[in-house]
Structure formats: C-alpha cells, structure tokens
PDB file of N, CA and C in Angstrom:
ATOM      1  N   UNK A   1      25.302  25.320  -8.574  1.00  0.00           N
ATOM      2  CA  UNK A   1      26.140  25.985 -10.115  1.00  0.00           C
ATOM      3  C   UNK A   1      27.593  26.461  -8.958  1.00  0.00           C
ATOM      4  N   UNK A   2      27.603  27.265  -7.656  1.00  0.00           N
ATOM      5  CA  UNK A   2      28.435  27.608  -7.428  1.00  0.00           C
ATOM      6  C   UNK A   2      29.254  26.530  -6.720  1.00  0.00           C
ATOM      7  N   UNK A   3      28.638  25.737  -6.142  1.00  0.00           N
ATOM      8  CA  UNK A   3      29.289  24.186  -5.556  1.00  0.00           C
ATOM      9  C   UNK A   3      30.146  23.677  -7.095  1.00  0.00           C
ATOM     10  N   UNK A   4      29.525  23.461  -8.072  1.00  0.00           N
ATOM     11  CA  UNK A   4      30.217  22.879  -8.647  1.00  0.00           C
ATOM     12  C   UNK A   4      31.774  23.623  -9.353  1.00  0.00           C
ATOM     13  N   UNK A   5      31.391  25.075  -9.273  1.00  0.00           N
ATOM     14  CA  UNK A   5      32.739  25.877  -9.694  1.00  0.00           C
ATOM     15  C   UNK A   5      34.071  25.522  -8.312  1.00  0.00           C
ATOM     16  N   UNK A   6      33.515  25.510  -7.678  1.00  0.00           N
ATOM     17  CA  UNK A   6      34.118  25.667  -6.077  1.00  0.00           C
ATOM     18  C   UNK A   6      34.772  24.052  -6.312  1.00  0.00           C
ATOM     19  N   UNK A   7      34.239  23.148  -6.364  1.00  0.00           N
ATOM     20  CA  UNK A   7      34.719  21.621  -6.841  1.00  0.00           C
ATOM     21  C   UNK A   7      36.084  21.967  -8.115  1.00  0.00           C
ATOM     22  N   UNK A   8      35.243  22.600  -9.179  1.00  0.00           N
ATOM     23  CA  UNK A   8      36.073  22.055 -10.909  1.00  0.00           C
ATOM     24  C   UNK A   8      37.022  23.384 -10.524  1.00  0.00           C
ATOM     25  N   UNK A   9      37.443  24.427  -9.330  1.00  0.00           N
ATOM     26  CA  UNK A   9      38.282  25.501  -8.661  1.00  0.00           C
ATOM     27  C   UNK A   9      39.427  24.394  -7.804  1.00  0.00           C
ATOM     28  N   UNK A  10      39.402  24.089  -7.277  1.00  0.00           N
ATOM     29  CA  UNK A  10      39.827  23.133  -6.185  1.00  0.00           C
ATOM     30  C   UNK A  10      40.917  21.846  -7.405  1.00  0.00           C
ATOM     31  N   UNK A  11      40.034  21.322  -7.688  1.00  0.00           N
ATOM     32  CA  UNK A  11      40.796  20.093  -8.219  1.00  0.00           C
ATOM     33  C   UNK A  11      41.559  21.000  -9.100  1.00  0.00           C
ATOM     34  N   UNK A  12      41.662  21.964 -10.091  1.00  0.00           N
ATOM     35  CA  UNK A  12      42.141  22.206 -10.753  1.00  0.00           C
ATOM     36  C   UNK A  12      43.354  22.832 -10.199  1.00  0.00           C
ATOM     37  N   UNK A  13      43.315  23.769  -8.731  1.00  0.00           N
ATOM     38  CA  UNK A  13      44.453  24.438  -7.980  1.00  0.00           C
ATOM     39  C   UNK A  13      45.143  23.048  -8.068  1.00  0.00           C
ATOM     40  N   UNK A  14      44.629  22.075  -7.641  1.00  0.00           N
ATOM     41  CA  UNK A  14      45.698  20.785  -6.820  1.00  0.00           C
ATOM     42  C   UNK A  14      46.652  20.635  -8.156  1.00  0.00           C
ATOM     43  N   UNK A  15      45.979  20.205  -9.427  1.00  0.00           N
ATOM     44  CA  UNK A  15      46.676  19.980 -10.159  1.00  0.00           C
ATOM     45  C   UNK A  15      47.752  20.570 -11.028  1.00  0.00           C
ATOM     46  N   UNK A  16      47.839  22.240 -10.666  1.00  0.00           N
ATOM     47  CA  UNK A  16      48.765  23.367 -10.711  1.00  0.00           C
ATOM     48  C   UNK A  16      49.627  23.294  -9.275  1.00  0.00           C
ATOM     49  N   UNK A  17      49.515  23.392  -8.271  1.00  0.00           N
ATOM     50  CA  UNK A  17      50.427  23.680  -7.589  1.00  0.00           C
ATOM     51  C   UNK A  17      50.727  21.680  -6.901  1.00  0.00           C
ATOM     52  N   UNK A  18      51.683  21.455  -6.698  1.00  0.00           N
ATOM     53  CA  UNK A  18      51.767  20.355  -5.568  1.00  0.00           C
ATOM     54  C   UNK A  18      52.588  20.758  -4.296  1.00  0.00           C
ATOM     55  N   UNK A  19      51.477  21.133  -3.278  1.00  0.00           N
ATOM     56  CA  UNK A  19      52.557  21.213  -2.133  1.00  0.00           C
ATOM     57  C   UNK A  19      53.407  20.624  -1.586  1.00  0.00           C
ATOM     58  N   UNK A  20      53.806  21.043  -0.211  1.00  0.00           N
ATOM     59  CA  UNK A  20      54.938  19.547   0.544  1.00  0.00           C
ATOM     60  C   UNK A  20      54.108  18.785   0.771  1.00  0.00           C
ATOM     61  N   UNK A  21      53.041  18.843   1.544  1.00  0.00           N
ATOM     62  CA  UNK A  21      52.006  17.788   1.768  1.00  0.00           C
ATOM     63  C   UNK A  21      51.779  16.711   0.939  1.00  0.00           C
ATOM     64  N   UNK A  22      51.615  15.460   1.183  1.00  0.00           N
ATOM     65  CA  UNK A  22      51.418  14.153   0.869  1.00  0.00           C
ATOM     66  C   UNK A  22      50.212  13.736   0.259  1.00  0.00           C
ATOM     67  N   UNK A  23      49.191  14.261   0.836  1.00  0.00           N
ATOM     68  CA  UNK A  23      47.881  14.014   0.665  1.00  0.00           C
ATOM     69  C   UNK A  23      47.472  14.785  -0.558  1.00  0.00           C
ATOM     70  N   UNK A  24      47.054  13.942  -1.384  1.00  0.00           N
ATOM     71  CA  UNK A  24      46.205  14.316  -2.815  1.00  0.00           C
ATOM     72  C   UNK A  24      44.929  14.715  -2.370  1.00  0.00           C
ATOM     73  N   UNK A  25      44.488  15.098  -3.611  1.00  0.00           N
ATOM     74  CA  UNK A  25      43.092  15.313  -4.429  1.00  0.00           C
ATOM     75  C   UNK A  25      42.949  14.007  -5.259  1.00  0.00           C
ATOM     76  N   UNK A  26      41.841  13.122  -4.940  1.00  0.00           N
ATOM     77  CA  UNK A  26      41.163  12.399  -6.052  1.00  0.00           C
ATOM     78  C   UNK A  26      39.498  12.198  -6.294  1.00  0.00           C
ATOM     79  N   UNK A  27      39.403  11.792  -7.513  1.00  0.00           N
ATOM     80  CA  UNK A  27      38.146  12.235  -8.064  1.00  0.00           C
ATOM     81  C   UNK A  27      37.397  10.504  -7.039  1.00  0.00           C
ATOM     82  N   UNK A  28      36.322  10.614  -7.811  1.00  0.00           N
ATOM     83  CA  UNK A  28      35.330   9.301  -7.296  1.00  0.00           C
ATOM     84  C   UNK A  28      35.757   7.632  -7.379  1.00  0.00           C
ATOM     85  N   UNK A  29      36.026   7.783  -8.428  1.00  0.00           N
ATOM     86  CA  UNK A  29      36.626   7.073  -9.551  1.00  0.00           C
ATOM     87  C   UNK A  29      38.075   6.444  -8.623  1.00  0.00           C
ATOM     88  N   UNK A  30      38.862   7.449  -8.598  1.00  0.00           N
ATOM     89  CA  UNK A  30      40.378   6.849  -7.900  1.00  0.00           C
ATOM     90  C   UNK A  30      39.972   6.829  -6.226  1.00  0.00           C
ATOM     91  N   UNK A  31      39.210   7.084  -5.832  1.00  0.00           N
ATOM     92  CA  UNK A  31      38.651   6.717  -4.329  1.00  0.00           C
ATOM     93  C   UNK A  31      37.981   5.468  -3.816  1.00  0.00           C
ATOM     94  N   UNK A  32      37.218   4.979  -5.447  1.00  0.00           N
ATOM     95  CA  UNK A  32      36.731   3.759  -5.091  1.00  0.00           C
ATOM     96  C   UNK A  32      38.104   2.408  -4.698  1.00  0.00           C
ATOM     97  N   UNK A  33      39.187   2.796  -5.327  1.00  0.00           N
ATOM     98  CA  UNK A  33      40.031   1.980  -4.567  1.00  0.00           C
ATOM     99  C   UNK A  33      40.656   2.012  -3.605  1.00  0.00           C
ATOM    100  N   UNK A  34      40.109   2.696  -2.718  1.00  0.00           N
ATOM    101  CA  UNK A  34      41.105   3.620  -1.642  1.00  0.00           C
ATOM    102  C   UNK A  34      40.241   3.428  -0.558  1.00  0.00           C
ATOM    103  N   UNK A  35      40.958   2.961   0.714  1.00  0.00           N
ATOM    104  CA  UNK A  35      40.069   2.793   2.243  1.00  0.00           C
ATOM    105  C   UNK A  35      39.780   3.939   2.872  1.00  0.00           C
ATOM    106  N   UNK A  36      38.128   3.963   2.962  1.00  0.00           N
ATOM    107  CA  UNK A  36      37.464   5.228   3.374  1.00  0.00           C
ATOM    108  C   UNK A  36      37.933   5.594   4.852  1.00  0.00           C
ATOM    109  N   UNK A  37      38.557   6.842   5.630  1.00  0.00           N
ATOM    110  CA  UNK A  37      38.897   6.585   7.087  1.00  0.00           C
ATOM    111  C   UNK A  37      38.562   7.534   7.550  1.00  0.00           C
ATOM    112  N   UNK A  38      36.841   8.024   7.253  1.00  0.00           N
ATOM    113  CA  UNK A  38      36.917   9.214   7.753  1.00  0.00           C
ATOM    114  C   UNK A  38      36.260  10.744   7.070  1.00  0.00           C
ATOM    115  N   UNK A  39      36.323  11.404   7.999  1.00  0.00           N
ATOM    116  CA  UNK A  39      36.194  12.821   6.735  1.00  0.00           C
ATOM    117  C   UNK A  39      36.419  13.771   7.834  1.00  0.00           C
ATOM    118  N   UNK A  40      37.030  15.268   7.338  1.00  0.00           N
ATOM    119  CA  UNK A  40      37.238  16.198   7.675  1.00  0.00           C
ATOM    120  C   UNK A  40      36.768  17.715   7.457  1.00  0.00           C
ATOM    121  N   UNK A  41      36.645  18.647   7.555  1.00  0.00           N
ATOM    122  CA  UNK A  41      35.719  19.935   6.926  1.00  0.00           C
ATOM    123  C   UNK A  41      36.784  21.275   7.811  1.00  0.00           C
ATOM    124  N   UNK A  42      36.464  22.408   6.808  1.00  0.00           N
ATOM    125  CA  UNK A  42      36.932  23.519   7.304  1.00  0.00           C
ATOM    126  C   UNK A  42      36.188  24.561   6.239  1.00  0.00           C
ATOM    127  N   UNK A  43      35.753  25.307   7.453  1.00  0.00           N
ATOM    128  CA  UNK A  43      35.196  26.838   7.062  1.00  0.00           C
ATOM    129  C   UNK A  43      35.851  28.527   7.210  1.00  0.00           C
ATOM    130  N   UNK A  44      35.585  28.688   5.945  1.00  0.00           N
ATOM    131  CA  UNK A  44      36.244  30.254   6.109  1.00  0.00           C
ATOM    132  C   UNK A  44      35.556  31.421   5.180  1.00  0.00           C
ATOM    133  N   UNK A  45      36.033  32.565   5.433  1.00  0.00           N
ATOM    134  CA  UNK A  45      35.407  33.431   5.336  1.00  0.00           C
ATOM    135  C   UNK A  45      36.266  33.986   4.193  1.00  0.00           C
ATOM    136  N   UNK A  46      35.472  34.269   2.372  1.00  0.00           N
ATOM    137  CA  UNK A  46      36.056  34.524   1.724  1.00  0.00           C
ATOM    138  C   UNK A  46      37.451  33.765   1.179  1.00  0.00           C
ATOM    139  N   UNK A  47      37.148  32.448   1.106  1.00  0.00           N
ATOM    140  CA  UNK A  47      38.409  31.322   0.736  1.00  0.00           C
ATOM    141  C   UNK A  47      38.108  31.684  -0.398  1.00  0.00           C
ATOM    142  N   UNK A  48      40.156  31.253  -0.726  1.00  0.00           N
ATOM    143  CA  UNK A  48      40.635  31.677  -1.885  1.00  0.00           C
ATOM    144  C   UNK A  48      40.639  29.631  -2.630  1.00  0.00           C
ATOM    145  N   UNK A  49      40.195  29.045  -3.366  1.00  0.00           N
ATOM    146  CA  UNK A  49      40.877  27.751  -3.791  1.00  0.00           C
ATOM    147  C   UNK A  49      41.661  26.989  -3.239  1.00  0.00           C
ATOM    148  N   UNK A  50      43.026  27.884  -3.877  1.00  0.00           N
ATOM    149  CA  UNK A  50      43.747  27.227  -2.908  1.00  0.00           C
ATOM    150  C   UNK A  50      44.430  27.406  -1.416  1.00  0.00           C
ATOM    151  N   UNK A  51      44.281  27.863  -1.076  1.00  0.00           N
ATOM    152  CA  UNK A  51      44.326  27.906   0.361  1.00  0.00           C
ATOM    153  C   UNK A  51      43.067  26.822   1.114  1.00  0.00           C
ATOM    154  N   UNK A  52      42.521  26.727   0.785  1.00  0.00           N
ATOM    155  CA  UNK A  52      41.130  25.724   0.925  1.00  0.00           C
ATOM    156  C   UNK A  52      41.590  24.447   0.893  1.00  0.00           C
ATOM    157  N   UNK A  53      42.466  24.431  -0.608  1.00  0.00           N
ATOM    158  CA  UNK A  53      42.795  22.628  -0.617  1.00  0.00           C
ATOM    159  C   UNK A  53      44.150  22.589   0.079  1.00  0.00           C
ATOM    160  N   UNK A  54      45.305  23.546   0.584  1.00  0.00           N
ATOM    161  CA  UNK A  54      46.097  23.120   0.776  1.00  0.00           C
ATOM    162  C   UNK A  54      45.621  22.730   2.377  1.00  0.00           C
ATOM    163  N   UNK A  55      44.737  23.934   2.862  1.00  0.00           N
ATOM    164  CA  UNK A  55      44.090  23.458   4.590  1.00  0.00           C
ATOM    165  C   UNK A  55      43.916  21.794   4.969  1.00  0.00           C
ATOM    166  N   UNK A  56      42.584  21.487   3.337  1.00  0.00           N
ATOM    167  CA  UNK A  56      42.417  20.559   3.532  1.00  0.00           C
ATOM    168  C   UNK A  56      43.811  19.047   3.176  1.00  0.00           C
ATOM    169  N   UNK A  57      44.600  19.485   2.782  1.00  0.00           N
ATOM    170  CA  UNK A  57      45.300  18.673   2.402  1.00  0.00           C
ATOM    171  C   UNK A  57      46.599  18.437   3.388  1.00  0.00           C
ATOM    172  N   UNK A  58      46.655  19.738   4.700  1.00  0.00           N
ATOM    173  CA  UNK A  58      47.143  19.847   5.470  1.00  0.00           C
ATOM    174  C   UNK A  58      46.589  18.669   6.428  1.00  0.00           C
ATOM    175  N   UNK A  59      44.734  18.692   6.762  1.00  0.00           N
ATOM    176  CA  UNK A  59      44.055  18.314   7.817  1.00  0.00           C
ATOM    177  C   UNK A  59      44.101  17.377   7.506  1.00  0.00           C
ATOM    178  N   UNK A  60      44.641  16.383   5.857  1.00  0.00           N
ATOM    179  CA  UNK A  60      44.572  14.769   5.424  1.00  0.00           C
ATOM    180  C   UNK A  60      46.102  14.431   6.287  1.00  0.00           C
ATOM    181  N   UNK A  61      47.282  15.116   5.765  1.00  0.00           N
ATOM    182  CA  UNK A  61      48.214  14.712   6.746  1.00  0.00           C
ATOM    183  C   UNK A  61      48.418  14.405   7.704  1.00  0.00           C
ATOM    184  N   UNK A  62      47.530  15.636   8.628  1.00  0.00           N
ATOM    185  CA  UNK A  62      47.380  15.114  10.185  1.00  0.00           C
ATOM    186  C   UNK A  62      46.526  14.038  10.819  1.00  0.00           C
ATOM    187  N   UNK A  63      45.706  13.737  10.009  1.00  0.00           N
ATOM    188  CA  UNK A  63      44.930  12.384  10.308  1.00  0.00           C
ATOM    189  C   UNK A  63      45.820  11.191   9.962  1.00  0.00           C
ATOM    190  N   UNK A  64      46.791  11.339   8.943  1.00  0.00           N
ATOM    191  CA  UNK A  64      46.815   9.812   8.330  1.00  0.00           C
ATOM    192  C   UNK A  64      46.632   9.201   7.097  1.00  0.00           C
ATOM    193  N   UNK A  65      46.143  10.560   6.363  1.00  0.00           N
ATOM    194  CA  UNK A  65      45.575  10.005   4.967  1.00  0.00           C
ATOM    195  C   UNK A  65      46.299  10.263   4.412  1.00  0.00           C
ATOM    196  N   UNK A  66      46.595   9.600   3.310  1.00  0.00           N
ATOM    197  CA  UNK A  66      47.530   9.804   1.611  1.00  0.00           C
ATOM    198  C   UNK A  66      46.767  10.433   1.017  1.00  0.00           C
ATOM    199  N   UNK A  67      45.308  10.367   0.723  1.00  0.00           N
ATOM    200  CA  UNK A  67      44.502  11.394  -0.388  1.00  0.00           C
ATOM    201  C   UNK A  67      43.252  11.260   0.318  1.00  0.00           C
ATOM    202  N   UNK A  68      42.527  12.471  -0.370  1.00  0.00           N
ATOM    203  CA  UNK A  68      40.513  12.886   0.277  1.00  0.00           C
ATOM    204  C   UNK A  68      40.425  13.459  -1.416  1.00  0.00           C
ATOM    205  N   UNK A  69      38.738  13.340  -1.035  1.00  0.00           N
ATOM    206  CA  UNK A  69      37.993  13.683  -1.921  1.00  0.00           C
ATOM    207  C   UNK A  69      37.282  14.390  -1.438  1.00  0.00           C
ATOM    208  N   UNK A  70      36.489  16.174  -2.124  1.00  0.00           N
ATOM    209  CA  UNK A  70      35.699  16.403  -1.788  1.00  0.00           C
ATOM    210  C   UNK A  70      34.115  16.016  -2.066  1.00  0.00           C
ATOM    211  N   UNK A  71      33.425  16.206  -0.593  1.00  0.00           N
ATOM    212  CA  UNK A  71      32.174  15.494  -0.729  1.00  0.00           C
ATOM    213  C   UNK A  71      31.040  16.556  -1.271  1.00  0.00           C
ATOM    214  N   UNK A  72      32.076  17.691  -0.155  1.00  0.00           N
ATOM    215  CA  UNK A  72      30.784  18.805   0.038  1.00  0.00           C
ATOM    216  C   UNK A  72      31.446  20.121  -0.264  1.00  0.00           C
ATOM    217  N   UNK A  73      31.037  21.020  -0.892  1.00  0.00           N
ATOM    218  CA  UNK A  73      31.257  22.930  -1.243  1.00  0.00           C
ATOM    219  C   UNK A  73      30.290  23.419  -0.994  1.00  0.00           C
ATOM    220  N   UNK A  74      29.673  24.437  -0.044  1.00  0.00           N
ATOM    221  CA  UNK A  74      28.891  25.581  -0.289  1.00  0.00           C
ATOM    222  C   UNK A  74      29.996  27.288   0.091  1.00  0.00           C
ATOM    223  N   UNK A  75      29.270  27.781  -0.469  1.00  0.00           N
ATOM    224  CA  UNK A  75      29.481  29.335  -0.993  1.00  0.00           C
ATOM    225  C   UNK A  75      28.539  30.343  -0.384  1.00  0.00           C
ATOM    226  N   UNK A  76      28.942  31.064  -0.086  1.00  0.00           N
ATOM    227  CA  UNK A  76      27.735  32.771   0.423  1.00  0.00           C
ATOM    228  C   UNK A  76      29.024  33.726   0.489  1.00  0.00           C
ATOM    229  N   UNK A  77      28.727  34.247   2.210  1.00  0.00           N
ATOM    230  CA  UNK A  77      29.219  35.351   3.115  1.00  0.00           C
ATOM    231  C   UNK A  77      30.613  34.133   3.532  1.00  0.00           C
ATOM    232  N   UNK A  78      30.690  32.676   3.176  1.00  0.00           N
ATOM    233  CA  UNK A  78      31.682  32.079   3.725  1.00  0.00           C
ATOM    234  C   UNK A  78      31.683  30.551   2.655  1.00  0.00           C
ATOM    235  N   UNK A  79      32.635  29.864   3.196  1.00  0.00           N
ATOM    236  CA  UNK A  79      33.103  28.391   2.172  1.00  0.00           C
ATOM    237  C   UNK A  79      32.653  27.588   3.364  1.00  0.00           C
ATOM    238  N   UNK A  80      32.266  26.606   2.973  1.00  0.00           N
ATOM    239  CA  UNK A  80      32.709  25.279   3.774  1.00  0.00           C
ATOM    240  C   UNK A  80      32.912  24.454   3.388  1.00  0.00           C
ATOM    241  N   UNK A  81      33.908  23.478   2.929  1.00  0.00           N
ATOM    242  CA  UNK A  81      34.074  22.591   2.547  1.00  0.00           C
ATOM    243  C   UNK A  81      34.567  21.146   3.285  1.00  0.00           C
ATOM    244  N   UNK A  82      33.200  19.987   3.046  1.00  0.00           N
ATOM    245  CA  UNK A  82      34.194  19.156   3.618  1.00  0.00           C
ATOM    246  C   UNK A  82      34.435  17.719   2.993  1.00  0.00           C
ATOM    247  N   UNK A  83      35.197  16.629   3.400  1.00  0.00           N
ATOM    248  CA  UNK A  83      36.265  16.210   1.964  1.00  0.00           C
ATOM    249  C   UNK A  83      36.306  14.552   2.825  1.00  0.00           C
ATOM    250  N   UNK A  84      36.355  13.973   1.898  1.00  0.00           N
ATOM    251  CA  UNK A  84      36.084  12.627   2.987  1.00  0.00           C
ATOM    252  C   UNK A  84      37.851  11.980   2.501  1.00  0.00           C
ATOM    253  N   UNK A  85      38.498  11.261   3.606  1.00  0.00           N
ATOM    254  CA  UNK A  85      39.715  11.000   3.278  1.00  0.00           C
ATOM    255  C   UNK A  85      40.305   9.454   3.139  1.00  0.00           C
ATOM    256  N   UNK A  86      41.032   9.233   2.969  1.00  0.00           N
ATOM    257  CA  UNK A  86      41.086   7.967   2.166  1.00  0.00           C
ATOM    258  C   UNK A  86      42.746   7.393   2.975  1.00  0.00           C
ATOM    259  N   UNK A  87      42.842   5.613   2.826  1.00  0.00           N
ATOM    260  CA  UNK A  87      44.725   5.145   2.957  1.00  0.00           C
ATOM    261  C   UNK A  87      44.884   5.309   1.697  1.00  0.00           C
TER     262      UNK A  87
END
C-alpha cells in the first residue's frame, strides 16, 4: 500500500513540477518503447516525494539518460527508491 502511494505521489509530482533537468519520469507502457541503460537507487530519511523525484532525475541526467521509471519504492524509517534508466 505504501509503495503504491509513493509511486503515485512521485508520478503526480513529476506532472506538477518540471525541473531544470532533462530526464523525465515515464510509465511502463512508455518505457516499453525505450532502450534500458541500467538503474539508479536513492535512500533518504523522511524523504519528500518532490525531493526524491528531483534526485532521481539528477542521477538519470548524470548517467546520460533521457527518462527513468520507478521500479521499486519502500518506506519506513527511511525511503528507498530504485529507478530504471532509459535512452
């Protein structure tokens, strides 16, 4: 349940705020048309969905990815999110 809430929050946050970074959040249908180029993970204590999205996007930019898709999200005392990167 918490995982779905985080994924939905991250998706909503990406629609609301278009940051300066180029990498964008995509869904699984959009990702099926893209070429995978690895994954990145972040962990934060008490992370805010907007901060997590910005950090994922920045890591994707650093890796040369144009988009990313969240494939894992866990919450508890800290938040851990893994995203697959795409060209």
